[in-house]
Amino acid sequence: MEDFRNKPMSFGDWMKTFIILMIPLVNFIFFLIWVFGSDVNTSKKNYLRALFVFNLIIFILIVIAGGVMYAVLPDIIENITDSFKSTV
């Protein structure tokens, strides 16, 4: 018998996967099961691992951008308010 983990996923399998990933909270639980589980199709597991790494990179970039904005925004706002005060 062929191992289901190495069998190509059908169109229907992919559609079920994407529908489950659209449901809030359920998607997070299934995502973790599929990424860290052992009885998961190899192509699904690799896809979700890549998605996990991509989302992690995006999250890190957003945190960095937020930190930069937090550091720079007060000075920008102060300069804008000072320029309005000098014109009035």
N, C-alpha and C. Protein backbone atom coordinates (compact mmCIF):
# COMPACT_ATOMS: atom_id res chain seq x y z
N MET A 1 0.84 -1.20 0.00
CA MET A 1 0.00 0.00 0.00
C MET A 1 0.88 1.25 0.00
N GLU A 2 0.50 2.21 -0.81
CA GLU A 2 1.28 3.44 -0.92
C GLU A 2 1.03 4.34 0.30
N ASP A 3 2.08 4.94 0.77
CA ASP A 3 1.99 5.84 1.92
C ASP A 3 1.29 7.12 1.50
N PHE A 4 0.22 7.52 2.23
CA PHE A 4 -0.56 8.71 1.86
C PHE A 4 0.25 10.00 2.02
N ARG A 5 1.31 9.96 2.82
CA ARG A 5 2.10 11.18 3.02
C ARG A 5 2.88 11.57 1.77
N ASN A 6 3.20 10.61 0.93
CA ASN A 6 3.97 10.90 -0.28
C ASN A 6 3.10 10.98 -1.53
N LYS A 7 1.81 10.75 -1.38
CA LYS A 7 0.88 10.79 -2.50
C LYS A 7 0.54 12.25 -2.83
N PRO A 8 0.47 12.61 -4.10
CA PRO A 8 0.11 13.99 -4.44
C PRO A 8 -1.29 14.34 -3.94
N MET A 9 -1.45 15.57 -3.48
CA MET A 9 -2.76 16.01 -3.01
C MET A 9 -3.62 16.38 -4.21
N SER A 10 -4.88 16.03 -4.14
CA SER A 10 -5.81 16.35 -5.22
C SER A 10 -6.28 17.79 -5.10
N PHE A 11 -6.97 18.25 -6.13
CA PHE A 11 -7.56 19.59 -6.11
C PHE A 11 -8.50 19.74 -4.93
N GLY A 12 -9.33 18.72 -4.71
CA GLY A 12 -10.28 18.76 -3.59
C GLY A 12 -9.59 18.84 -2.23
N ASP A 13 -8.48 18.12 -2.10
CA ASP A 13 -7.72 18.19 -0.84
C ASP A 13 -7.20 19.60 -0.59
N TRP A 14 -6.70 20.23 -1.66
CA TRP A 14 -6.19 21.59 -1.51
C TRP A 14 -7.33 22.56 -1.18
N MET A 15 -8.49 22.37 -1.81
CA MET A 15 -9.63 23.24 -1.52
C MET A 15 -10.07 23.10 -0.07
N LYS A 16 -10.12 21.88 0.45
CA LYS A 16 -10.46 21.66 1.86
C LYS A 16 -9.44 22.34 2.77
N THR A 17 -8.17 22.22 2.40
CA THR A 17 -7.11 22.85 3.20
C THR A 17 -7.30 24.35 3.26
N PHE A 18 -7.54 24.99 2.10
CA PHE A 18 -7.68 26.45 2.06
C PHE A 18 -8.95 26.91 2.78
N ILE A 19 -10.03 26.13 2.68
CA ILE A 19 -11.27 26.50 3.38
C ILE A 19 -11.05 26.43 4.89
N ILE A 20 -10.39 25.39 5.36
CA ILE A 20 -10.11 25.27 6.79
C ILE A 20 -9.21 26.42 7.26
N LEU A 21 -8.26 26.83 6.42
CA LEU A 21 -7.36 27.92 6.80
C LEU A 21 -8.05 29.29 6.79
N MET A 22 -9.27 29.37 6.26
CA MET A 22 -10.02 30.64 6.26
C MET A 22 -10.88 30.81 7.51
N ILE A 23 -11.06 29.77 8.31
CA ILE A 23 -11.94 29.83 9.48
C ILE A 23 -11.11 30.28 10.69
N PRO A 24 -11.48 31.42 11.29
CA PRO A 24 -10.71 31.91 12.44
C PRO A 24 -10.67 30.89 13.58
N LEU A 25 -9.57 30.87 14.28
CA LEU A 25 -9.25 30.00 15.40
C LEU A 25 -9.07 28.55 14.97
N VAL A 26 -9.97 28.03 14.15
CA VAL A 26 -9.81 26.67 13.63
C VAL A 26 -8.56 26.61 12.78
N ASN A 27 -8.32 27.68 11.99
CA ASN A 27 -7.14 27.69 11.11
C ASN A 27 -5.85 27.60 11.92
N PHE A 28 -5.79 28.27 13.04
CA PHE A 28 -4.59 28.25 13.87
C PHE A 28 -4.32 26.85 14.42
N ILE A 29 -5.39 26.20 14.89
CA ILE A 29 -5.25 24.85 15.46
C ILE A 29 -4.80 23.86 14.39
N PHE A 30 -5.48 23.88 13.23
CA PHE A 30 -5.11 22.96 12.16
C PHE A 30 -3.72 23.29 11.61
N PHE A 31 -3.40 24.57 11.54
CA PHE A 31 -2.07 24.98 11.06
C PHE A 31 -0.98 24.33 11.92
N LEU A 32 -1.13 24.41 13.23
CA LEU A 32 -0.15 23.81 14.13
C LEU A 32 -0.11 22.29 14.01
N ILE A 33 -1.28 21.68 13.89
CA ILE A 33 -1.33 20.22 13.73
C ILE A 33 -0.63 19.81 12.45
N TRP A 34 -0.90 20.51 11.36
CA TRP A 34 -0.32 20.14 10.07
C TRP A 34 1.18 20.44 10.01
N VAL A 35 1.62 21.52 10.62
CA VAL A 35 3.04 21.87 10.57
C VAL A 35 3.88 20.93 11.45
N PHE A 36 3.39 20.63 12.65
CA PHE A 36 4.19 19.85 13.59
C PHE A 36 3.78 18.38 13.68
N GLY A 37 2.70 18.00 13.02
CA GLY A 37 2.24 16.61 13.07
C GLY A 37 3.08 15.69 12.20
N SER A 38 2.99 14.41 12.48
CA SER A 38 3.78 13.44 11.70
C SER A 38 2.96 12.76 10.62
N ASP A 39 1.65 12.67 10.78
CA ASP A 39 0.78 12.01 9.81
C ASP A 39 0.14 13.04 8.87
N VAL A 40 0.98 13.81 8.18
CA VAL A 40 0.51 14.86 7.29
C VAL A 40 1.17 14.67 5.93
N ASN A 41 0.41 14.95 4.89
CA ASN A 41 0.95 14.87 3.53
C ASN A 41 2.18 15.76 3.43
N THR A 42 3.22 15.26 2.78
CA THR A 42 4.50 15.97 2.70
C THR A 42 4.38 17.30 1.98
N SER A 43 3.62 17.36 0.90
CA SER A 43 3.49 18.63 0.17
C SER A 43 2.72 19.66 0.98
N LYS A 44 1.69 19.21 1.72
CA LYS A 44 0.94 20.14 2.58
C LYS A 44 1.84 20.65 3.69
N LYS A 45 2.61 19.74 4.28
CA LYS A 45 3.49 20.13 5.39
C LYS A 45 4.55 21.13 4.92
N ASN A 46 5.14 20.88 3.75
CA ASN A 46 6.15 21.80 3.23
C ASN A 46 5.55 23.16 2.88
N TYR A 47 4.35 23.16 2.29
CA TYR A 47 3.68 24.42 1.98
C TYR A 47 3.41 25.22 3.25
N LEU A 48 2.90 24.56 4.27
CA LEU A 48 2.58 25.28 5.50
C LEU A 48 3.83 25.71 6.26
N ARG A 49 4.90 24.94 6.16
CA ARG A 49 6.16 25.38 6.77
C ARG A 49 6.67 26.65 6.09
N ALA A 50 6.60 26.68 4.77
CA ALA A 50 7.02 27.87 4.03
C ALA A 50 6.14 29.06 4.39
N LEU A 51 4.84 28.83 4.50
CA LEU A 51 3.91 29.88 4.89
C LEU A 51 4.22 30.39 6.30
N PHE A 52 4.56 29.48 7.20
CA PHE A 52 4.91 29.85 8.56
C PHE A 52 6.15 30.74 8.60
N VAL A 53 7.19 30.35 7.86
CA VAL A 53 8.42 31.14 7.82
C VAL A 53 8.16 32.51 7.18
N PHE A 54 7.38 32.53 6.09
CA PHE A 54 7.06 33.80 5.44
C PHE A 54 6.30 34.72 6.40
N ASN A 55 5.29 34.20 7.10
CA ASN A 55 4.54 35.01 8.06
C ASN A 55 5.41 35.47 9.22
N LEU A 56 6.35 34.65 9.65
CA LEU A 56 7.26 35.04 10.71
C LEU A 56 8.16 36.21 10.27
N ILE A 57 8.65 36.14 9.04
CA ILE A 57 9.47 37.22 8.50
C ILE A 57 8.66 38.51 8.41
N ILE A 58 7.44 38.42 7.91
CA ILE A 58 6.57 39.61 7.81
C ILE A 58 6.30 40.18 9.20
N PHE A 59 6.03 39.33 10.18
CA PHE A 59 5.78 39.79 11.54
C PHE A 59 6.99 40.53 12.11
N ILE A 60 8.18 39.99 11.90
CA ILE A 60 9.40 40.63 12.39
C ILE A 60 9.60 41.99 11.72
N LEU A 61 9.35 42.07 10.41
CA LEU A 61 9.48 43.35 9.71
C LEU A 61 8.47 44.38 10.21
N ILE A 62 7.26 43.93 10.52
CA ILE A 62 6.24 44.84 11.05
C ILE A 62 6.64 45.35 12.43
N VAL A 63 7.19 44.48 13.27
CA VAL A 63 7.64 44.90 14.60
C VAL A 63 8.78 45.91 14.48
N ILE A 64 9.70 45.67 13.57
CA ILE A 64 10.81 46.61 13.36
C ILE A 64 10.28 47.95 12.86
N ALA A 65 9.37 47.92 11.89
CA ALA A 65 8.80 49.16 11.36
C ALA A 65 8.02 49.90 12.44
N GLY A 66 7.30 49.16 13.28
CA GLY A 66 6.58 49.79 14.38
C GLY A 66 7.53 50.45 15.38
N GLY A 67 8.64 49.79 15.66
CA GLY A 67 9.63 50.38 16.57
C GLY A 67 10.25 51.65 15.99
N VAL A 68 10.53 51.62 14.69
CA VAL A 68 11.08 52.82 14.04
C VAL A 68 10.06 53.95 14.08
N MET A 69 8.81 53.63 13.77
CA MET A 69 7.77 54.68 13.79
C MET A 69 7.57 55.21 15.20
N TYR A 70 7.63 54.34 16.19
CA TYR A 70 7.48 54.77 17.58
C TYR A 70 8.62 55.71 17.97
N ALA A 71 9.81 55.48 17.46
CA ALA A 71 10.96 56.32 17.79
C ALA A 71 10.95 57.63 17.03
N VAL A 72 10.48 57.62 15.79
CA VAL A 72 10.59 58.79 14.92
C VAL A 72 9.34 59.67 14.95
N LEU A 73 8.17 59.07 15.12
CA LEU A 73 6.92 59.82 15.01
C LEU A 73 6.79 60.99 15.99
N PRO A 74 7.19 60.88 17.24
CA PRO A 74 7.07 62.04 18.13
C PRO A 74 7.84 63.26 17.63
N ASP A 75 9.03 63.06 17.07
CA ASP A 75 9.80 64.18 16.54
C ASP A 75 9.11 64.81 15.33
N ILE A 76 8.54 63.99 14.49
CA ILE A 76 7.84 64.50 13.31
C ILE A 76 6.63 65.31 13.74
N ILE A 77 5.86 64.80 14.69
CA ILE A 77 4.68 65.52 15.17
C ILE A 77 5.09 66.82 15.83
N GLU A 78 6.17 66.82 16.59
CA GLU A 78 6.64 68.04 17.24
C GLU A 78 7.06 69.08 16.21
N ASN A 79 7.74 68.67 15.15
CA ASN A 79 8.14 69.60 14.10
C ASN A 79 6.93 70.19 13.38
N ILE A 80 5.93 69.38 13.14
CA ILE A 80 4.72 69.86 12.47
C ILE A 80 3.99 70.86 13.35
N THR A 81 3.83 70.55 14.64
CA THR A 81 3.13 71.47 15.53
C THR A 81 3.92 72.76 15.72
N ASP A 82 5.25 72.68 15.75
CA ASP A 82 6.06 73.89 15.86
C ASP A 82 5.92 74.76 14.63
N SER A 83 5.84 74.15 13.45
CA SER A 83 5.68 74.95 12.23
C SER A 83 4.31 75.62 12.19
N PHE A 84 3.28 74.97 12.71
CA PHE A 84 1.97 75.60 12.77
C PHE A 84 1.94 76.74 13.77
N LYS A 85 2.66 76.59 14.89
CA LYS A 85 2.69 77.65 15.89
C LYS A 85 3.43 78.88 15.37
N SER A 86 4.46 78.67 14.56
CA SER A 86 5.22 79.81 14.05
C SER A 86 4.46 80.57 12.97
N THR A 87 3.53 79.91 12.30
CA THR A 87 2.77 80.59 11.26
C THR A 87 1.58 81.35 11.83
N VAL A 88 1.17 81.02 13.05
CA VAL A 88 -0.02 81.66 13.64
C VAL A 88 0.35 82.88 14.39
